[in-house]
Amino acid sequence: MIKKIIITVVVVLLIVGGMFFVRSRKSEQLYTQSQVITTDVHKTINVDATMNPDVYADIASELPTLIASVNVEVNDEVKKGQELFRLDKKSIYAQINNAKLAVERAELAEQQARRKWDTLKPEERKSIVKATEQARQTLNEVYVQAAKTTITSPIDGIVIEQNARVGEVAQGTVMRIIDPKSLQVEAFIPEVDIAKVSKGDKSFIVFDAYPDKVVNGTFVSMDAGSTVKQNSTYFKAIIDIDNKDDITILDGMNASVDIEIEKKSGVTAVPREYAKKDDNGYFVYILNDDVGHKEQFTKKSFKEGIVGDEFVEVVSGLSVGEQIVLPQEK
């Protein structure tokens, strides 16, 4: 009877001890669990982008001239040939008179200089002739401007910038008109990525103004000329939005763009965070079901295909439905 009790106690202790060992080993490190699945694998590159119009017009006065009237404001829709503003004719006539006087003075100075032309140095002669030519050119420009006192829009579009004010001098660009239908995404591709993109690549656009909405686009073209930013070389690329009616887009809006450079559909894959890599290649962790084994997890190697943004393609080594784990850091 005593032997039976002792044997029973030992067996119970062994069972309890075994259970404690299993629980203790499995509780050594937490983990998340997933499985090998069949899915689509996408690989993209991410670039920053800005909305810019392909068709636009910067309206400027060729000469500093007073503005007599202004007929449009920001956000106004305009048609090609529509009057935008008028220049003050009196101001232009005064400029014509001043330009004429400048020509007369320059011509007179040259006539007087030619009386002793042989005594002048070559550079002095050149300077005198250039002054006369410049005065005549200015007069011609004023005459041309006098025929353009009414400034009209060269395109159909919307006024997005308007700095013309009655009584002020029109100098430089005073208006900007864009065709909103021509708005396109301009992105700058790093030099290291230009060989990866090509015309027709699908693009996924997220505007800063609409962080929860993904807009589909298409990679259209890339400039042959480069741009240097902070000692790095970039190439400007154009991406068209597939359906502009689905979202309100404005000139200058910022966005983040994922350009799809590779895709495989219906392939065996594992979540990217579960796929690890060492000197021997890619592997995943699986649970070690051998209770007596010291290690809680076992590495299982596999041959990878596309290393996508969210999944890694499995070419061989793993089967669909196979359970995999991701040990959490202690």
C-alpha atoms as a PDB file:
ATOM      1  CA  MET A   1       0.000   0.000   0.000  1.00  0.00           C
ATOM      2  CA  ILE A   2       2.827   2.340   0.889  1.00  0.00           C
ATOM      3  CA  LYS A   3       4.580   1.523  -2.414  1.00  0.00           C
ATOM      4  CA  LYS A   4       1.408   2.261  -4.303  1.00  0.00           C
ATOM      5  CA  ILE A   5       1.044   5.641  -2.604  1.00  0.00           C
ATOM      6  CA  ILE A   6       4.696   6.467  -3.284  1.00  0.00           C
ATOM      7  CA  ILE A   7       4.393   5.488  -6.953  1.00  0.00           C
ATOM      8  CA  THR A   8       1.213   7.509  -7.286  1.00  0.00           C
ATOM      9  CA  VAL A   9       2.850  10.569  -5.726  1.00  0.00           C
ATOM     10  CA  VAL A  10       5.863  10.235  -8.025  1.00  0.00           C
ATOM     11  CA  VAL A  11       3.650   9.964 -11.106  1.00  0.00           C
ATOM     12  CA  VAL A  12       1.630  12.983 -10.011  1.00  0.00           C
ATOM     13  CA  LEU A  13       4.801  14.914  -9.358  1.00  0.00           C
ATOM     14  CA  LEU A  14       6.150  13.951 -12.778  1.00  0.00           C
ATOM     15  CA  ILE A  15       2.943  14.996 -14.485  1.00  0.00           C
ATOM     16  CA  VAL A  16       2.781  18.246 -12.536  1.00  0.00           C
ATOM     17  CA  GLY A  17       6.451  18.823 -13.190  1.00  0.00           C
ATOM     18  CA  GLY A  18       5.994  18.135 -16.891  1.00  0.00           C
ATOM     19  CA  MET A  19       3.083  20.488 -17.119  1.00  0.00           C
ATOM     20  CA  PHE A  20       5.064  23.113 -15.289  1.00  0.00           C
ATOM     21  CA  PHE A  21       8.001  22.578 -17.678  1.00  0.00           C
ATOM     22  CA  VAL A  22       5.798  22.990 -20.749  1.00  0.00           C
ATOM     23  CA  ARG A  23       4.069  26.032 -19.359  1.00  0.00           C
ATOM     24  CA  SER A  24       7.335  27.498 -18.169  1.00  0.00           C
ATOM     25  CA  ARG A  25       9.085  26.981 -21.563  1.00  0.00           C
ATOM     26  CA  LYS A  26       6.196  28.346 -23.589  1.00  0.00           C
ATOM     27  CA  SER A  27       5.866  31.334 -21.339  1.00  0.00           C
ATOM     28  CA  GLU A  28       9.511  32.210 -21.724  1.00  0.00           C
ATOM     29  CA  GLN A  29       8.771  34.523 -24.666  1.00  0.00           C
ATOM     30  CA  LEU A  30       5.550  35.935 -26.071  1.00  0.00           C
ATOM     31  CA  TYR A  31       4.809  35.679 -29.767  1.00  0.00           C
ATOM     32  CA  THR A  32       2.240  36.479 -32.424  1.00  0.00           C
ATOM     33  CA  GLN A  33       1.021  33.871 -34.845  1.00  0.00           C
ATOM     34  CA  SER A  34       0.174  33.879 -38.557  1.00  0.00           C
ATOM     35  CA  GLN A  35       0.294  31.444 -41.454  1.00  0.00           C
ATOM     36  CA  VAL A  36       1.542  31.010 -44.990  1.00  0.00           C
ATOM     37  CA  ILE A  37      -1.147  32.256 -47.389  1.00  0.00           C
ATOM     38  CA  THR A  38      -1.933  32.796 -51.059  1.00  0.00           C
ATOM     39  CA  THR A  39      -2.133  36.503 -51.919  1.00  0.00           C
ATOM     40  CA  ASP A  40      -0.936  39.281 -54.234  1.00  0.00           C
ATOM     41  CA  VAL A  41       2.532  40.703 -53.579  1.00  0.00           C
ATOM     42  CA  HIS A  42       3.162  44.370 -54.438  1.00  0.00           C
ATOM     43  CA  LYS A  43       6.478  46.214 -54.432  1.00  0.00           C
ATOM     44  CA  THR A  44       6.480  50.018 -54.585  1.00  0.00           C
ATOM     45  CA  ILE A  45       8.737  53.012 -54.155  1.00  0.00           C
ATOM     46  CA  ASN A  46       7.505  56.012 -52.214  1.00  0.00           C
ATOM     47  CA  VAL A  47       8.095  59.622 -53.299  1.00  0.00           C
ATOM     48  CA  ASP A  48       6.820  63.038 -52.276  1.00  0.00           C
ATOM     49  CA  ALA A  49       4.788  64.962 -54.842  1.00  0.00           C
ATOM     50  CA  THR A  50       2.967  68.230 -55.540  1.00  0.00           C
ATOM     51  CA  MET A  51      -0.034  69.117 -57.700  1.00  0.00           C
ATOM     52  CA  ASN A  52       0.967  71.445 -60.542  1.00  0.00           C
ATOM     53  CA  PRO A  53      -0.828  72.495 -63.742  1.00  0.00           C
ATOM     54  CA  ASP A  54       0.445  71.512 -67.154  1.00  0.00           C
ATOM     55  CA  VAL A  55      -1.418  74.474 -68.732  1.00  0.00           C
ATOM     56  CA  TYR A  56      -1.020  77.865 -67.062  1.00  0.00           C
ATOM     57  CA  ALA A  57      -0.318  81.519 -67.831  1.00  0.00           C
ATOM     58  CA  ASP A  58       1.658  84.085 -65.851  1.00  0.00           C
ATOM     59  CA  ILE A  59       0.298  87.503 -66.786  1.00  0.00           C
ATOM     60  CA  ALA A  60       2.798  90.341 -66.716  1.00  0.00           C
ATOM     61  CA  SER A  61       3.227  93.869 -68.022  1.00  0.00           C
ATOM     62  CA  GLU A  62       6.250  94.266 -70.271  1.00  0.00           C
ATOM     63  CA  LEU A  63       6.946  97.744 -68.893  1.00  0.00           C
ATOM     64  CA  PRO A  64       6.217  99.334 -65.505  1.00  0.00           C
ATOM     65  CA  THR A  65       2.841 100.996 -66.138  1.00  0.00           C
ATOM     66  CA  LEU A  66      -0.009 102.264 -63.969  1.00  0.00           C
ATOM     67  CA  ILE A  67      -3.098 100.046 -63.822  1.00  0.00           C
ATOM     68  CA  ALA A  68      -6.335 101.792 -64.820  1.00  0.00           C
ATOM     69  CA  SER A  69      -8.885  99.016 -64.122  1.00  0.00           C
ATOM     70  CA  VAL A  70      -9.070  95.400 -62.940  1.00  0.00           C
ATOM     71  CA  ASN A  71     -11.885  93.067 -63.965  1.00  0.00           C
ATOM     72  CA  VAL A  72     -11.143  89.742 -62.259  1.00  0.00           C
ATOM     73  CA  GLU A  73     -10.390  88.409 -58.805  1.00  0.00           C
ATOM     74  CA  VAL A  74      -8.953  85.202 -57.374  1.00  0.00           C
ATOM     75  CA  ASN A  75     -11.086  82.097 -58.118  1.00  0.00           C
ATOM     76  CA  ASP A  76     -12.814  83.749 -61.093  1.00  0.00           C
ATOM     77  CA  GLU A  77     -13.241  81.533 -64.140  1.00  0.00           C
ATOM     78  CA  VAL A  78     -12.010  83.206 -67.315  1.00  0.00           C
ATOM     79  CA  LYS A  79     -12.178  82.433 -71.017  1.00  0.00           C
ATOM     80  CA  LYS A  80      -9.442  82.843 -73.584  1.00  0.00           C
ATOM     81  CA  GLY A  81      -9.469  86.464 -74.814  1.00  0.00           C
ATOM     82  CA  GLN A  82     -11.403  87.761 -71.793  1.00  0.00           C
ATOM     83  CA  GLU A  83     -10.252  91.157 -70.477  1.00  0.00           C
ATOM     84  CA  LEU A  84      -8.305  90.930 -67.239  1.00  0.00           C
ATOM     85  CA  PHE A  85      -7.143  94.501 -66.638  1.00  0.00           C
ATOM     86  CA  ARG A  86      -6.284  97.732 -68.456  1.00  0.00           C
ATOM     87  CA  LEU A  87      -3.198  99.874 -68.306  1.00  0.00           C
ATOM     88  CA  ASP A  88      -3.337 103.649 -67.984  1.00  0.00           C
ATOM     89  CA  LYS A  89      -2.834 105.178 -71.448  1.00  0.00           C
ATOM     90  CA  LYS A  90      -1.664 108.522 -70.044  1.00  0.00           C
ATOM     91  CA  SER A  91       1.092 106.723 -68.195  1.00  0.00           C
ATOM     92  CA  ILE A  92       2.132 104.957 -71.403  1.00  0.00           C
ATOM     93  CA  TYR A  93       2.061 108.196 -73.439  1.00  0.00           C
ATOM     94  CA  ALA A  94       4.298 109.792 -70.828  1.00  0.00           C
ATOM     95  CA  GLN A  95       6.682 106.853 -71.162  1.00  0.00           C
ATOM     96  CA  ILE A  96       6.666 107.270 -74.948  1.00  0.00           C
ATOM     97  CA  ASN A  97       7.623 110.942 -74.618  1.00  0.00           C
ATOM     98  CA  ASN A  98      10.356 110.095 -72.133  1.00  0.00           C
ATOM     99  CA  ALA A  99      11.672 107.334 -74.414  1.00  0.00           C
ATOM    100  CA  LYS A 100      11.718 109.709 -77.392  1.00  0.00           C
ATOM    101  CA  LEU A 101      13.702 112.273 -75.428  1.00  0.00           C
ATOM    102  CA  ALA A 102      16.136 109.537 -74.371  1.00  0.00           C
ATOM    103  CA  VAL A 103      16.651 108.566 -78.027  1.00  0.00           C
ATOM    104  CA  GLU A 104      17.235 112.195 -79.040  1.00  0.00           C
ATOM    105  CA  ARG A 105      19.808 112.656 -76.282  1.00  0.00           C
ATOM    106  CA  ALA A 106      21.599 109.418 -77.153  1.00  0.00           C
ATOM    107  CA  GLU A 107      21.699 110.242 -80.874  1.00  0.00           C
ATOM    108  CA  LEU A 108      22.953 113.748 -80.161  1.00  0.00           C
ATOM    109  CA  ALA A 109      25.679 112.386 -77.881  1.00  0.00           C
ATOM    110  CA  GLU A 110      26.751 109.953 -80.570  1.00  0.00           C
ATOM    111  CA  GLN A 111      26.835 112.674 -83.251  1.00  0.00           C
ATOM    112  CA  GLN A 112      29.042 114.829 -81.068  1.00  0.00           C
ATOM    113  CA  ALA A 113      31.295 111.875 -80.269  1.00  0.00           C
ATOM    114  CA  ARG A 114      31.746 111.033 -83.956  1.00  0.00           C
ATOM    115  CA  ARG A 115      33.379 114.419 -84.542  1.00  0.00           C
ATOM    116  CA  LYS A 116      36.373 113.084 -82.606  1.00  0.00           C
ATOM    117  CA  TRP A 117      35.734 109.414 -83.303  1.00  0.00           C
ATOM    118  CA  ASP A 118      39.335 108.644 -84.208  1.00  0.00           C
ATOM    119  CA  THR A 119      40.556 109.847 -80.853  1.00  0.00           C
ATOM    120  CA  LEU A 120      38.268 107.519 -78.866  1.00  0.00           C
ATOM    121  CA  LYS A 121      39.216 104.092 -77.632  1.00  0.00           C
ATOM    122  CA  PRO A 122      37.382 101.081 -79.148  1.00  0.00           C
ATOM    123  CA  GLU A 123      35.528 100.386 -75.914  1.00  0.00           C
ATOM    124  CA  GLU A 124      34.369 104.023 -75.722  1.00  0.00           C
ATOM    125  CA  ARG A 125      32.956 103.854 -79.260  1.00  0.00           C
ATOM    126  CA  LYS A 126      31.215 100.608 -78.454  1.00  0.00           C
ATOM    127  CA  SER A 127      29.634 102.059 -75.324  1.00  0.00           C
ATOM    128  CA  ILE A 128      28.308 105.132 -77.165  1.00  0.00           C
ATOM    129  CA  VAL A 129      26.776 103.074 -79.979  1.00  0.00           C
ATOM    130  CA  LYS A 130      25.260 100.643 -77.461  1.00  0.00           C
ATOM    131  CA  ALA A 131      23.628 103.511 -75.535  1.00  0.00           C
ATOM    132  CA  THR A 132      21.924 104.736 -78.710  1.00  0.00           C
ATOM    133  CA  GLU A 133      20.746 101.247 -79.626  1.00  0.00           C
ATOM    134  CA  GLN A 134      19.387 100.682 -76.114  1.00  0.00           C
ATOM    135  CA  ALA A 135      17.442 103.949 -76.193  1.00  0.00           C
ATOM    136  CA  ARG A 136      15.846 103.020 -79.528  1.00  0.00           C
ATOM    137  CA  GLN A 137      14.983  99.543 -78.267  1.00  0.00           C
ATOM    138  CA  THR A 138      13.261 100.982 -75.194  1.00  0.00           C
ATOM    139  CA  LEU A 139      11.216 103.288 -77.404  1.00  0.00           C
ATOM    140  CA  ASN A 140      10.121 100.358 -79.558  1.00  0.00           C
ATOM    141  CA  GLU A 141       9.106  98.405 -76.449  1.00  0.00           C
ATOM    142  CA  VAL A 142       6.999 101.304 -75.232  1.00  0.00           C
ATOM    143  CA  TYR A 143       5.285 101.537 -78.610  1.00  0.00           C
ATOM    144  CA  VAL A 144       4.533  97.802 -78.450  1.00  0.00           C
ATOM    145  CA  GLN A 145       3.184  98.173 -74.922  1.00  0.00           C
ATOM    146  CA  ALA A 146       1.002 101.089 -76.007  1.00  0.00           C
ATOM    147  CA  ALA A 147      -0.815  98.684 -78.320  1.00  0.00           C
ATOM    148  CA  LYS A 148      -1.437  96.348 -75.400  1.00  0.00           C
ATOM    149  CA  THR A 149      -3.233  98.523 -72.909  1.00  0.00           C
ATOM    150  CA  THR A 150      -5.977  95.897 -72.611  1.00  0.00           C
ATOM    151  CA  ILE A 151      -4.571  92.690 -71.120  1.00  0.00           C
ATOM    152  CA  THR A 152      -6.560  89.536 -71.902  1.00  0.00           C
ATOM    153  CA  SER A 153      -6.346  85.901 -70.838  1.00  0.00           C
ATOM    154  CA  PRO A 154      -4.446  83.620 -73.233  1.00  0.00           C
ATOM    155  CA  ILE A 155      -6.194  80.478 -71.917  1.00  0.00           C
ATOM    156  CA  ASP A 156      -9.421  79.175 -70.407  1.00  0.00           C
ATOM    157  CA  GLY A 157      -8.933  78.668 -66.697  1.00  0.00           C
ATOM    158  CA  ILE A 158      -9.179  79.979 -63.153  1.00  0.00           C
ATOM    159  CA  VAL A 159      -7.392  82.955 -61.604  1.00  0.00           C
ATOM    160  CA  ILE A 160      -5.369  81.631 -58.658  1.00  0.00           C
ATOM    161  CA  GLU A 161      -3.171  84.694 -58.087  1.00  0.00           C
ATOM    162  CA  GLN A 162      -4.117  88.328 -58.545  1.00  0.00           C
ATOM    163  CA  ASN A 163      -1.835  91.199 -57.501  1.00  0.00           C
ATOM    164  CA  ALA A 164      -3.134  93.900 -59.868  1.00  0.00           C
ATOM    165  CA  ARG A 165      -4.421  97.012 -58.072  1.00  0.00           C
ATOM    166  CA  VAL A 166      -5.863 100.139 -59.643  1.00  0.00           C
ATOM    167  CA  GLY A 167      -3.407 103.030 -59.400  1.00  0.00           C
ATOM    168  CA  GLU A 168      -0.445 100.776 -58.723  1.00  0.00           C
ATOM    169  CA  VAL A 169       2.344 100.028 -61.158  1.00  0.00           C
ATOM    170  CA  ALA A 170       2.046  96.744 -63.037  1.00  0.00           C
ATOM    171  CA  GLN A 171       5.518  95.291 -62.792  1.00  0.00           C
ATOM    172  CA  GLY A 172       6.489  91.682 -63.196  1.00  0.00           C
ATOM    173  CA  THR A 173       3.876  88.925 -62.892  1.00  0.00           C
ATOM    174  CA  VAL A 174       0.592  90.335 -61.618  1.00  0.00           C
ATOM    175  CA  MET A 175      -1.734  87.389 -62.303  1.00  0.00           C
ATOM    176  CA  ARG A 176      -1.567  83.617 -62.638  1.00  0.00           C
ATOM    177  CA  ILE A 177      -4.206  81.575 -64.443  1.00  0.00           C
ATOM    178  CA  ILE A 178      -4.297  77.790 -64.563  1.00  0.00           C
ATOM    179  CA  ASP A 179      -6.383  75.215 -66.365  1.00  0.00           C
ATOM    180  CA  PRO A 180      -7.638  73.024 -63.478  1.00  0.00           C
ATOM    181  CA  LYS A 181      -8.271  70.137 -65.862  1.00  0.00           C
ATOM    182  CA  SER A 182      -4.529  70.005 -66.554  1.00  0.00           C
ATOM    183  CA  LEU A 183      -3.515  69.543 -62.909  1.00  0.00           C
ATOM    184  CA  GLN A 184      -1.117  66.647 -62.551  1.00  0.00           C
ATOM    185  CA  VAL A 185       1.077  65.128 -59.896  1.00  0.00           C
ATOM    186  CA  GLU A 186       4.737  66.128 -60.109  1.00  0.00           C
ATOM    187  CA  ALA A 187       7.087  63.838 -58.214  1.00  0.00           C
ATOM    188  CA  PHE A 188      10.858  63.722 -57.961  1.00  0.00           C
ATOM    189  CA  ILE A 189      12.344  60.228 -58.375  1.00  0.00           C
ATOM    190  CA  PRO A 190      15.730  59.575 -56.713  1.00  0.00           C
ATOM    191  CA  GLU A 191      18.496  58.666 -59.123  1.00  0.00           C
ATOM    192  CA  VAL A 192      18.833  55.194 -57.565  1.00  0.00           C
ATOM    193  CA  ASP A 193      15.202  54.390 -58.451  1.00  0.00           C
ATOM    194  CA  ILE A 194      14.876  55.694 -62.027  1.00  0.00           C
ATOM    195  CA  ALA A 195      15.622  52.293 -63.577  1.00  0.00           C
ATOM    196  CA  LYS A 196      12.788  50.725 -61.569  1.00  0.00           C
ATOM    197  CA  VAL A 197       9.923  52.875 -62.884  1.00  0.00           C
ATOM    198  CA  SER A 198       8.362  52.878 -66.324  1.00  0.00           C
ATOM    199  CA  LYS A 199       5.474  54.407 -68.226  1.00  0.00           C
ATOM    200  CA  GLY A 200       2.136  52.915 -67.245  1.00  0.00           C
ATOM    201  CA  ASP A 201       3.097  51.912 -63.692  1.00  0.00           C
ATOM    202  CA  LYS A 202       0.153  52.041 -61.304  1.00  0.00           C
ATOM    203  CA  SER A 203       0.452  54.715 -58.644  1.00  0.00           C
ATOM    204  CA  PHE A 204      -1.346  55.182 -55.351  1.00  0.00           C
ATOM    205  CA  ILE A 205      -1.645  58.796 -54.186  1.00  0.00           C
ATOM    206  CA  VAL A 206      -2.462  60.063 -50.695  1.00  0.00           C
ATOM    207  CA  PHE A 207      -2.900  63.832 -50.393  1.00  0.00           C
ATOM    208  CA  ASP A 208      -2.018  65.564 -47.145  1.00  0.00           C
ATOM    209  CA  ALA A 209      -5.499  67.090 -47.238  1.00  0.00           C
ATOM    210  CA  TYR A 210      -7.153  63.638 -47.498  1.00  0.00           C
ATOM    211  CA  PRO A 211      -4.964  61.305 -45.410  1.00  0.00           C
ATOM    212  CA  ASP A 212      -7.591  58.533 -45.336  1.00  0.00           C
ATOM    213  CA  LYS A 213      -8.251  58.410 -49.093  1.00  0.00           C
ATOM    214  CA  VAL A 214      -6.104  56.599 -51.657  1.00  0.00           C
ATOM    215  CA  VAL A 215      -6.369  57.978 -55.208  1.00  0.00           C
ATOM    216  CA  ASN A 216      -5.336  55.823 -58.159  1.00  0.00           C
ATOM    217  CA  GLY A 217      -2.975  57.243 -60.771  1.00  0.00           C
ATOM    218  CA  THR A 218      -0.718  56.255 -63.656  1.00  0.00           C
ATOM    219  CA  PHE A 219       2.983  56.985 -64.152  1.00  0.00           C
ATOM    220  CA  VAL A 220       3.154  58.995 -67.400  1.00  0.00           C
ATOM    221  CA  SER A 221       6.670  60.294 -67.997  1.00  0.00           C
ATOM    222  CA  MET A 222      10.008  61.349 -66.539  1.00  0.00           C
ATOM    223  CA  ASP A 223      12.185  64.301 -67.527  1.00  0.00           C
ATOM    224  CA  ALA A 224      15.538  63.573 -69.145  1.00  0.00           C
ATOM    225  CA  GLY A 225      17.123  66.435 -67.203  1.00  0.00           C
ATOM    226  CA  SER A 226      18.009  66.056 -63.539  1.00  0.00           C
ATOM    227  CA  THR A 227      17.502  68.267 -60.503  1.00  0.00           C
ATOM    228  CA  VAL A 228      19.913  68.423 -57.579  1.00  0.00           C
ATOM    229  CA  LYS A 229      18.430  68.793 -54.096  1.00  0.00           C
ATOM    230  CA  GLN A 230      20.588  68.715 -50.986  1.00  0.00           C
ATOM    231  CA  ASN A 231      23.460  67.104 -52.899  1.00  0.00           C
ATOM    232  CA  SER A 232      21.204  64.316 -54.231  1.00  0.00           C
ATOM    233  CA  THR A 233      20.083  63.875 -57.846  1.00  0.00           C
ATOM    234  CA  TYR A 234      16.395  63.566 -58.757  1.00  0.00           C
ATOM    235  CA  PHE A 235      14.357  63.339 -61.953  1.00  0.00           C
ATOM    236  CA  LYS A 236      10.952  64.988 -62.252  1.00  0.00           C
ATOM    237  CA  ALA A 237       8.141  62.593 -63.096  1.00  0.00           C
ATOM    238  CA  ILE A 238       4.517  63.184 -64.082  1.00  0.00           C
ATOM    239  CA  ILE A 239       1.693  61.072 -62.673  1.00  0.00           C
ATOM    240  CA  ASP A 240      -1.869  61.441 -63.963  1.00  0.00           C
ATOM    241  CA  ILE A 241      -4.829  60.963 -61.641  1.00  0.00           C
ATOM    242  CA  ASP A 242      -7.135  58.350 -63.147  1.00  0.00           C
ATOM    243  CA  ASN A 243     -10.376  60.101 -62.179  1.00  0.00           C
ATOM    244  CA  LYS A 244     -10.089  63.737 -61.130  1.00  0.00           C
ATOM    245  CA  ASP A 245     -13.851  63.932 -60.495  1.00  0.00           C
ATOM    246  CA  ASP A 246     -13.528  61.674 -57.451  1.00  0.00           C
ATOM    247  CA  ILE A 247     -11.686  64.284 -55.400  1.00  0.00           C
ATOM    248  CA  THR A 248     -11.253  68.049 -55.107  1.00  0.00           C
ATOM    249  CA  ILE A 249      -7.663  68.852 -56.032  1.00  0.00           C
ATOM    250  CA  LEU A 250      -6.023  72.259 -55.999  1.00  0.00           C
ATOM    251  CA  ASP A 251      -2.805  73.732 -57.314  1.00  0.00           C
ATOM    252  CA  GLY A 252       0.077  73.257 -54.892  1.00  0.00           C
ATOM    253  CA  MET A 253      -1.432  70.408 -52.851  1.00  0.00           C
ATOM    254  CA  ASN A 254       1.163  68.025 -51.398  1.00  0.00           C
ATOM    255  CA  ALA A 255       0.936  64.254 -51.592  1.00  0.00           C
ATOM    256  CA  SER A 256       2.764  60.997 -50.972  1.00  0.00           C
ATOM    257  CA  VAL A 257       2.895  58.577 -53.906  1.00  0.00           C
ATOM    258  CA  ASP A 258       3.564  54.845 -53.988  1.00  0.00           C
ATOM    259  CA  ILE A 259       4.603  53.775 -57.503  1.00  0.00           C
ATOM    260  CA  GLU A 260       4.085  50.070 -58.100  1.00  0.00           C
ATOM    261  CA  ILE A 261       7.253  48.709 -59.700  1.00  0.00           C
ATOM    262  CA  GLU A 262       6.525  44.987 -59.388  1.00  0.00           C
ATOM    263  CA  LYS A 263       3.512  42.757 -58.699  1.00  0.00           C
ATOM    264  CA  LYS A 264       2.681  39.039 -58.608  1.00  0.00           C
ATOM    265  CA  SER A 265      -0.863  37.761 -58.173  1.00  0.00           C
ATOM    266  CA  GLY A 266      -1.990  34.645 -56.323  1.00  0.00           C
ATOM    267  CA  VAL A 267       1.382  33.518 -55.000  1.00  0.00           C
ATOM    268  CA  THR A 268       2.431  31.798 -51.788  1.00  0.00           C
ATOM    269  CA  ALA A 269       3.616  34.415 -49.313  1.00  0.00           C
ATOM    270  CA  VAL A 270       4.236  35.313 -45.681  1.00  0.00           C
ATOM    271  CA  PRO A 271       3.721  38.683 -43.954  1.00  0.00           C
ATOM    272  CA  ARG A 272       6.877  40.706 -44.340  1.00  0.00           C
ATOM    273  CA  GLU A 273       7.356  41.242 -40.622  1.00  0.00           C
ATOM    274  CA  TYR A 274       7.469  37.441 -40.138  1.00  0.00           C
ATOM    275  CA  ALA A 275      10.147  36.964 -42.806  1.00  0.00           C
ATOM    276  CA  LYS A 276      13.643  37.276 -41.344  1.00  0.00           C
ATOM    277  CA  LYS A 277      17.018  37.152 -43.026  1.00  0.00           C
ATOM    278  CA  ASP A 278      20.469  36.050 -41.984  1.00  0.00           C
ATOM    279  CA  ASP A 279      23.672  35.080 -43.804  1.00  0.00           C
ATOM    280  CA  ASN A 280      21.986  31.929 -45.102  1.00  0.00           C
ATOM    281  CA  GLY A 281      18.957  33.717 -46.556  1.00  0.00           C
ATOM    282  CA  TYR A 282      15.311  34.107 -45.558  1.00  0.00           C
ATOM    283  CA  PHE A 283      13.590  32.124 -42.810  1.00  0.00           C
ATOM    284  CA  VAL A 284      10.565  32.150 -40.508  1.00  0.00           C
ATOM    285  CA  TYR A 285      10.066  30.978 -36.957  1.00  0.00           C
ATOM    286  CA  ILE A 286       7.813  28.046 -36.135  1.00  0.00           C
ATOM    287  CA  LEU A 287       6.840  26.698 -32.736  1.00  0.00           C
ATOM    288  CA  ASN A 288       8.892  23.783 -31.488  1.00  0.00           C
ATOM    289  CA  ASP A 289       6.336  21.164 -30.441  1.00  0.00           C
ATOM    290  CA  ASP A 290       8.961  18.923 -28.889  1.00  0.00           C
ATOM    291  CA  VAL A 291       8.350  19.466 -25.173  1.00  0.00           C
ATOM    292  CA  GLY A 292      11.787  18.229 -24.307  1.00  0.00           C
ATOM    293  CA  HIS A 293      13.499  20.580 -26.724  1.00  0.00           C
ATOM    294  CA  LYS A 294      15.350  23.461 -25.120  1.00  0.00           C
ATOM    295  CA  GLU A 295      14.426  26.087 -27.711  1.00  0.00           C
ATOM    296  CA  GLN A 296      10.885  27.454 -27.889  1.00  0.00           C
ATOM    297  CA  PHE A 297      11.153  28.393 -31.603  1.00  0.00           C
ATOM    298  CA  THR A 298      12.794  26.809 -34.625  1.00  0.00           C
ATOM    299  CA  LYS A 299      14.003  28.548 -37.786  1.00  0.00           C
ATOM    300  CA  LYS A 300      12.666  27.275 -41.094  1.00  0.00           C
ATOM    301  CA  SER A 301      14.371  28.513 -44.252  1.00  0.00           C
ATOM    302  CA  PHE A 302      12.609  29.303 -47.516  1.00  0.00           C
ATOM    303  CA  LYS A 303      13.470  30.586 -51.000  1.00  0.00           C
ATOM    304  CA  GLU A 304      12.099  34.081 -51.522  1.00  0.00           C
ATOM    305  CA  GLY A 305      10.715  35.754 -54.659  1.00  0.00           C
ATOM    306  CA  ILE A 306       9.461  39.325 -54.596  1.00  0.00           C
ATOM    307  CA  VAL A 307      10.126  41.123 -51.324  1.00  0.00           C
ATOM    308  CA  GLY A 308       7.047  43.320 -51.337  1.00  0.00           C
ATOM    309  CA  ASP A 309       5.794  46.119 -49.127  1.00  0.00           C
ATOM    310  CA  GLU A 310       3.540  43.874 -47.002  1.00  0.00           C
ATOM    311  CA  PHE A 311       4.374  40.309 -48.029  1.00  0.00           C
ATOM    312  CA  VAL A 312       7.371  38.241 -49.119  1.00  0.00           C
ATOM    313  CA  GLU A 313       6.791  35.715 -51.884  1.00  0.00           C
ATOM    314  CA  VAL A 314       7.657  32.109 -51.052  1.00  0.00           C
ATOM    315  CA  VAL A 315       9.130  30.206 -53.999  1.00  0.00           C
ATOM    316  CA  SER A 316       9.867  27.031 -52.025  1.00  0.00           C
ATOM    317  CA  GLY A 317      10.366  25.764 -48.486  1.00  0.00           C
ATOM    318  CA  LEU A 318       6.942  26.616 -47.018  1.00  0.00           C
ATOM    319  CA  SER A 319       3.400  25.460 -47.746  1.00  0.00           C
ATOM    320  CA  VAL A 320       0.097  27.330 -47.693  1.00  0.00           C
ATOM    321  CA  GLY A 321      -1.584  26.951 -44.302  1.00  0.00           C
ATOM    322  CA  GLU A 322       1.643  26.320 -42.419  1.00  0.00           C
ATOM    323  CA  GLN A 323       1.682  28.101 -39.054  1.00  0.00           C
ATOM    324  CA  ILE A 324       4.441  30.614 -38.383  1.00  0.00           C
ATOM    325  CA  VAL A 325       5.212  32.791 -35.374  1.00  0.00           C
ATOM    326  CA  LEU A 326       6.917  36.075 -34.603  1.00  0.00           C
ATOM    327  CA  PRO A 327       8.698  36.088 -31.235  1.00  0.00           C
ATOM    328  CA  GLN A 328       8.291  39.290 -29.286  1.00  0.00           C
ATOM    329  CA  GLU A 329      11.306  40.972 -27.819  1.00  0.00           C
ATOM    330  CA  LYS A 330      11.764  40.187 -24.167  1.00  0.00           C
END
